[in-house]
N, C-alpha and C. Protein backbone atom coordinates (compact mmCIF):
# COMPACT_ATOMS: atom_id res chain seq x y z
N MET A 1 26.24 -17.86 138.69
CA MET A 1 24.95 -16.96 138.90
C MET A 1 23.92 -17.15 138.34
N ALA A 2 22.73 -16.95 139.32
CA ALA A 2 22.01 -17.64 139.19
C ALA A 2 20.90 -17.10 138.06
N ASP A 3 21.06 -16.59 136.51
CA ASP A 3 20.40 -15.74 135.94
C ASP A 3 19.48 -16.77 135.51
N LEU A 4 18.20 -17.41 136.44
CA LEU A 4 17.22 -17.68 136.40
C LEU A 4 16.03 -16.45 135.75
N LYS A 5 15.04 -17.62 134.62
CA LYS A 5 13.36 -16.62 134.44
C LYS A 5 12.63 -17.83 134.10
N LEU A 6 11.59 -16.66 134.49
CA LEU A 6 10.23 -18.38 134.97
C LEU A 6 9.13 -17.20 133.87
N ILE A 7 8.75 -18.26 133.86
CA ILE A 7 7.82 -17.53 132.19
C ILE A 7 5.71 -18.05 133.01
N TYR A 8 5.14 -16.95 133.01
CA TYR A 8 3.89 -17.91 133.74
C TYR A 8 3.10 -17.20 132.45
N THR A 9 2.33 -18.83 132.25
CA THR A 9 1.64 -18.34 131.28
C THR A 9 0.14 -19.41 131.42
N THR A 10 -0.93 -19.31 130.40
CA THR A 10 -2.43 -19.69 131.03
C THR A 10 -2.38 -20.49 129.49
N TRP A 11 -3.42 -21.71 129.65
CA TRP A 11 -3.37 -22.28 128.68
C TRP A 11 -5.25 -23.17 128.82
N PRO A 12 -5.79 -23.49 127.56
CA PRO A 12 -7.34 -23.81 128.06
C PRO A 12 -7.19 -24.78 128.42
N ASP A 13 -6.44 -25.99 128.31
CA ASP A 13 -6.28 -26.92 129.27
C ASP A 13 -4.83 -28.04 129.36
N SER A 14 -4.86 -29.23 129.85
CA SER A 14 -3.77 -29.27 130.97
C SER A 14 -3.13 -30.10 129.72
N GLU A 15 -4.35 -30.88 128.56
CA GLU A 15 -3.24 -31.46 127.47
C GLU A 15 -2.81 -30.54 126.63
N ALA A 16 -2.99 -28.85 126.76
CA ALA A 16 -2.38 -28.44 125.00
C ALA A 16 -1.48 -27.76 125.79
N ALA A 17 -0.92 -27.48 127.23
CA ALA A 17 0.40 -27.22 128.13
C ALA A 17 0.86 -28.24 128.01
N GLN A 18 0.57 -29.68 128.40
CA GLN A 18 1.74 -30.74 128.04
C GLN A 18 2.03 -30.47 127.25
N GLY A 19 1.50 -30.33 125.66
CA GLY A 19 2.42 -30.65 124.29
C GLY A 19 3.06 -29.70 124.07
N ILE A 20 3.03 -28.69 124.14
CA ILE A 20 3.58 -27.44 124.17
C ILE A 20 4.86 -27.32 125.12
N ALA A 21 4.97 -27.85 126.77
CA ALA A 21 5.86 -28.45 127.42
C ALA A 21 7.09 -29.13 127.37
N SER A 22 5.89 -29.96 126.65
CA SER A 22 6.99 -31.56 126.41
C SER A 22 8.11 -30.99 124.71
N ALA A 23 6.52 -29.61 123.80
CA ALA A 23 7.62 -29.49 122.61
C ALA A 23 8.95 -28.56 122.79
N MET A 24 8.85 -27.68 123.49
CA MET A 24 9.88 -27.05 124.47
C MET A 24 11.20 -27.62 125.16
N LEU A 25 10.54 -28.71 126.07
CA LEU A 25 11.55 -29.07 126.06
C LEU A 25 12.95 -30.15 125.08
N GLU A 26 12.20 -30.20 124.29
CA GLU A 26 12.67 -31.04 123.08
C GLU A 26 13.61 -30.44 122.54
N ARG A 27 13.31 -28.89 122.24
CA ARG A 27 14.46 -27.81 121.55
C ARG A 27 15.05 -27.40 122.37
N ARG A 28 14.96 -27.30 124.08
CA ARG A 28 15.94 -26.93 125.36
C ARG A 28 15.78 -25.46 125.21
N LEU A 29 14.26 -25.47 124.59
CA LEU A 29 14.23 -23.71 125.28
C LEU A 29 13.73 -23.51 126.96
N ILE A 30 13.10 -24.28 127.35
CA ILE A 30 12.95 -24.58 129.02
C ILE A 30 14.17 -25.69 129.82
N ALA A 31 13.98 -25.82 131.11
CA ALA A 31 14.69 -27.03 131.28
C ALA A 31 13.37 -27.50 132.51
N CYS A 32 11.88 -26.97 132.26
CA CYS A 32 10.47 -27.90 133.55
C CYS A 32 9.42 -26.67 132.93
N ALA A 33 8.99 -27.87 133.58
CA ALA A 33 7.40 -26.92 133.52
C ALA A 33 6.21 -27.76 134.02
N ASN A 34 5.75 -26.80 135.51
CA ASN A 34 4.91 -27.09 136.17
C ASN A 34 3.41 -26.86 135.63
N ILE A 35 2.47 -27.17 135.84
CA ILE A 35 1.22 -27.25 135.24
C ILE A 35 0.57 -27.75 135.91
N PHE A 36 -0.24 -26.78 136.41
CA PHE A 36 -1.52 -26.51 137.30
C PHE A 36 -3.00 -26.94 137.14
N SER A 37 -3.80 -27.48 136.50
CA SER A 37 -4.89 -28.20 135.97
C SER A 37 -5.82 -27.37 136.25
N ALA A 38 -6.23 -26.75 137.50
CA ALA A 38 -7.53 -26.58 138.57
C ALA A 38 -7.91 -25.10 138.58
N GLY A 39 -7.70 -24.67 137.30
CA GLY A 39 -7.90 -23.14 137.44
C GLY A 39 -9.19 -22.39 137.02
N LYS A 40 -8.99 -21.40 137.44
CA LYS A 40 -10.26 -21.02 136.76
C LYS A 40 -9.98 -18.96 136.66
N SER A 41 -10.28 -18.56 135.50
CA SER A 41 -10.45 -17.32 135.35
C SER A 41 -11.31 -16.24 135.39
N VAL A 42 -11.31 -15.44 135.99
CA VAL A 42 -12.41 -15.00 135.43
C VAL A 42 -11.89 -13.73 134.58
N TYR A 43 -12.79 -12.48 133.65
CA TYR A 43 -11.41 -11.47 133.15
C TYR A 43 -12.54 -11.01 132.40
N ARG A 44 -12.64 -10.15 132.12
CA ARG A 44 -13.25 -9.01 130.60
C ARG A 44 -12.66 -8.97 129.48
N TRP A 45 -13.36 -8.96 128.57
CA TRP A 45 -13.15 -10.19 127.41
C TRP A 45 -13.88 -9.41 126.82
N LYS A 46 -13.57 -7.96 125.82
CA LYS A 46 -14.32 -7.93 124.26
C LYS A 46 -16.24 -7.24 124.78
N GLY A 47 -16.04 -6.71 126.53
CA GLY A 47 -17.24 -5.83 126.72
C GLY A 47 -17.99 -6.95 127.96
N GLU A 48 -17.31 -8.41 127.91
CA GLU A 48 -18.17 -9.17 128.70
C GLU A 48 -17.30 -9.45 129.90
N ILE A 49 -18.21 -9.73 131.06
CA ILE A 49 -17.21 -10.15 131.98
C ILE A 49 -17.19 -12.13 131.72
N ARG A 50 -16.57 -12.92 131.67
CA ARG A 50 -16.59 -13.75 131.33
C ARG A 50 -15.76 -14.51 132.51
N SER A 51 -15.67 -16.32 132.47
CA SER A 51 -15.31 -17.52 133.20
C SER A 51 -14.97 -18.42 133.16
N GLU A 52 -13.76 -19.18 132.87
CA GLU A 52 -13.43 -20.24 132.17
C GLU A 52 -12.60 -20.88 132.46
N ASP A 53 -12.18 -22.14 132.67
CA ASP A 53 -11.86 -23.06 133.56
C ASP A 53 -9.85 -22.60 132.45
N GLU A 54 -9.26 -22.72 133.04
CA GLU A 54 -7.62 -22.37 132.90
C GLU A 54 -6.70 -23.50 133.20
N THR A 55 -6.03 -23.36 132.33
CA THR A 55 -4.44 -24.20 133.17
C THR A 55 -3.00 -23.37 133.26
N VAL A 56 -2.83 -22.82 134.30
CA VAL A 56 -1.82 -22.44 134.78
C VAL A 56 -0.27 -23.27 134.37
N MET A 57 0.51 -22.57 133.74
CA MET A 57 1.82 -23.74 133.44
C MET A 57 2.73 -22.27 134.23
N LEU A 58 3.70 -22.90 134.39
CA LEU A 58 5.03 -22.06 134.83
C LEU A 58 6.34 -22.50 134.24
N LEU A 59 7.15 -21.79 133.72
CA LEU A 59 8.01 -22.36 132.56
C LEU A 59 9.36 -22.23 133.52
N LYS A 60 10.75 -23.06 133.79
CA LYS A 60 11.38 -22.70 133.98
C LYS A 60 12.43 -22.77 132.33
N THR A 61 13.57 -21.20 132.69
CA THR A 61 14.72 -20.99 131.32
C THR A 61 15.51 -20.44 132.20
N GLY A 62 16.27 -20.38 131.17
CA GLY A 62 17.56 -19.09 131.43
C GLY A 62 17.63 -17.99 130.50
N ARG A 63 18.65 -16.82 130.76
CA ARG A 63 18.65 -15.71 130.73
C ARG A 63 19.31 -15.86 128.43
N GLN A 64 19.90 -16.88 128.25
CA GLN A 64 20.00 -17.37 127.10
C GLN A 64 19.06 -17.60 126.26
N THR A 65 17.82 -18.13 126.74
CA THR A 65 17.21 -19.05 125.90
C THR A 65 15.90 -17.81 126.16
N ILE A 66 15.18 -17.27 127.18
CA ILE A 66 14.16 -16.70 127.17
C ILE A 66 13.32 -15.51 125.82
N GLU A 67 14.63 -15.28 124.95
CA GLU A 67 13.97 -14.42 123.95
C GLU A 67 13.20 -16.28 123.39
N ALA A 68 14.17 -17.65 122.36
CA ALA A 68 13.75 -17.70 122.07
C ALA A 68 12.52 -18.97 122.61
N ALA A 69 12.11 -18.85 123.81
CA ALA A 69 11.33 -19.67 124.44
C ALA A 69 10.01 -18.49 124.53
N THR A 70 10.08 -17.84 124.85
CA THR A 70 8.70 -16.75 124.24
C THR A 70 8.28 -16.30 122.56
N ALA A 71 8.93 -16.15 122.34
CA ALA A 71 8.98 -16.35 120.83
C ALA A 71 8.67 -18.27 120.55
N TYR A 72 8.89 -18.68 120.82
CA TYR A 72 7.71 -20.55 120.41
C TYR A 72 7.05 -20.17 120.78
N LEU A 73 5.62 -20.02 122.22
CA LEU A 73 5.05 -19.86 123.16
C LEU A 73 4.07 -18.63 122.11
N GLU A 74 4.54 -17.42 121.98
CA GLU A 74 3.70 -16.65 121.23
C GLU A 74 3.17 -16.78 119.64
N ARG A 75 4.26 -18.39 119.33
CA ARG A 75 3.84 -18.37 117.97
C ARG A 75 2.83 -19.79 117.35
N HIS A 76 3.30 -20.90 119.10
CA HIS A 76 2.57 -22.08 119.03
C HIS A 76 0.73 -21.84 120.03
N HIS A 77 0.99 -21.07 120.65
CA HIS A 77 -0.44 -20.49 121.78
C HIS A 77 -1.83 -20.18 120.88
N PRO A 78 -3.15 -21.00 121.53
CA PRO A 78 -4.18 -21.34 120.73
C PRO A 78 -5.07 -20.30 120.58
N TYR A 79 -4.25 -19.12 121.88
CA TYR A 79 -5.68 -18.15 122.16
C TYR A 79 -4.75 -16.48 121.04
N ASP A 80 -5.61 -15.63 121.19
CA ASP A 80 -5.79 -14.74 119.79
C ASP A 80 -4.55 -13.69 120.92
N THR A 81 -5.51 -13.55 122.09
CA THR A 81 -4.24 -12.46 122.98
C THR A 81 -3.91 -13.63 124.33
N ALA A 82 -2.44 -14.08 124.14
CA ALA A 82 -1.75 -15.00 125.04
C ALA A 82 -1.35 -14.40 126.49
N CYS A 83 -1.24 -14.83 127.46
CA CYS A 83 -0.86 -14.75 128.84
C CYS A 83 0.64 -15.48 128.41
N ILE A 84 1.17 -14.57 128.43
CA ILE A 84 2.85 -14.88 128.68
C ILE A 84 3.52 -13.64 129.60
N ILE A 85 3.89 -13.82 130.60
CA ILE A 85 4.48 -12.97 131.15
C ILE A 85 5.57 -13.79 131.90
N VAL A 86 7.07 -12.92 131.67
CA VAL A 86 8.27 -13.00 131.85
C VAL A 86 8.35 -13.05 133.68
N LEU A 87 9.40 -13.58 134.51
CA LEU A 87 9.02 -13.43 135.95
C LEU A 87 10.83 -13.38 136.08
N GLU A 88 10.89 -12.05 136.71
CA GLU A 88 12.88 -11.81 136.90
C GLU A 88 12.46 -12.74 138.27
N ASN A 89 13.81 -13.08 138.51
CA ASN A 89 14.35 -13.70 139.78
C ASN A 89 14.84 -12.96 140.37
N ASP A 90 15.01 -13.36 142.34
CA ASP A 90 16.02 -12.34 142.98
C ASP A 90 17.34 -13.54 142.77
N ALA A 91 18.55 -12.99 142.54
CA ALA A 91 19.75 -14.11 141.64
C ALA A 91 20.39 -14.58 144.05
N ALA A 92 20.24 -13.42 144.55
CA ALA A 92 20.44 -13.92 145.49
C ALA A 92 20.18 -15.09 146.42
N HIS A 93 18.55 -15.49 146.29
CA HIS A 93 17.73 -16.15 146.99
C HIS A 93 17.61 -17.88 146.01
N THR A 94 18.04 -17.64 145.30
CA THR A 94 18.00 -19.07 144.31
C THR A 94 19.76 -20.13 144.44
N SER A 95 19.13 -21.54 144.89
CA SER A 95 19.71 -22.02 145.05
C SER A 95 20.59 -22.61 143.32
N SER A 96 21.92 -21.91 143.71
CA SER A 96 23.14 -22.20 142.70
C SER A 96 22.62 -23.71 142.51
N ALA A 97 22.66 -24.93 142.43
CA ALA A 97 22.68 -26.40 142.41
C ALA A 97 21.09 -26.09 141.16
N PHE A 98 20.25 -25.19 141.84
CA PHE A 98 19.20 -25.56 141.00
C PHE A 98 19.36 -24.92 139.21
N ALA A 99 19.98 -23.59 139.82
CA ALA A 99 20.19 -22.56 138.79
C ALA A 99 21.52 -23.47 137.80
N ASN A 100 22.42 -23.99 138.42
CA ASN A 100 23.58 -24.58 136.98
C ASN A 100 22.64 -25.62 136.40
N TRP A 101 21.47 -26.29 137.37
CA TRP A 101 20.51 -27.49 136.32
C TRP A 101 19.97 -26.92 135.28
N VAL A 102 19.09 -25.88 135.79
CA VAL A 102 18.03 -25.40 134.72
C VAL A 102 18.75 -25.27 133.52
N ASN A 103 20.38 -24.21 133.85
CA ASN A 103 21.36 -23.81 132.89
C ASN A 103 21.14 -25.38 131.59
N ALA A 104 22.42 -25.93 132.48
CA ALA A 104 22.94 -27.38 132.25
C ALA A 104 21.61 -27.78 131.31
N GLU A 105 20.05 -27.86 131.37
CA GLU A 105 19.18 -28.30 130.76
C GLU A 105 18.84 -27.69 129.64
N VAL A 106 19.09 -26.38 129.80
CA VAL A 106 18.24 -25.45 128.03
C VAL A 106 19.98 -24.62 127.88
N ILE A 107 21.02 -25.26 128.18
CA ILE A 107 21.97 -25.60 127.23
C ILE A 107 22.94 -26.58 126.62
N GLY A 108 22.68 -27.47 127.41
CA GLY A 108 23.03 -28.38 127.05
C GLY A 108 24.63 -28.76 127.53
N PRO A 109 24.84 -30.13 127.68
CA PRO A 109 25.99 -30.52 128.45
C PRO A 109 27.57 -29.77 128.37
N ALA A 110 27.55 -30.01 128.92
CA ALA A 110 29.31 -29.01 128.67
C ALA A 110 30.46 -29.92 127.49
């Protein structure tokens, strides 16, 4: 069964994103991180419209590690109000080979 989770999160720069991704990989909280560093965020913060460079990161994990992964992000994120969004996937349209790889990476070898 392909019970995978994606976490969408934003970071101030690619170095910070890479650092947290490496730490999460070492702890087997995620199987993979995709880091997109050429982003611009336009948002309202404390009554002001702001525009900042930002790095987007997608993290691939499983049902069994999603709580620990999001808790780790919340503890180590540099923003006061971190963007951490869990995205559900459609198991019917997920490659079973990919799902098996993700689950093996976050659970560990059988």
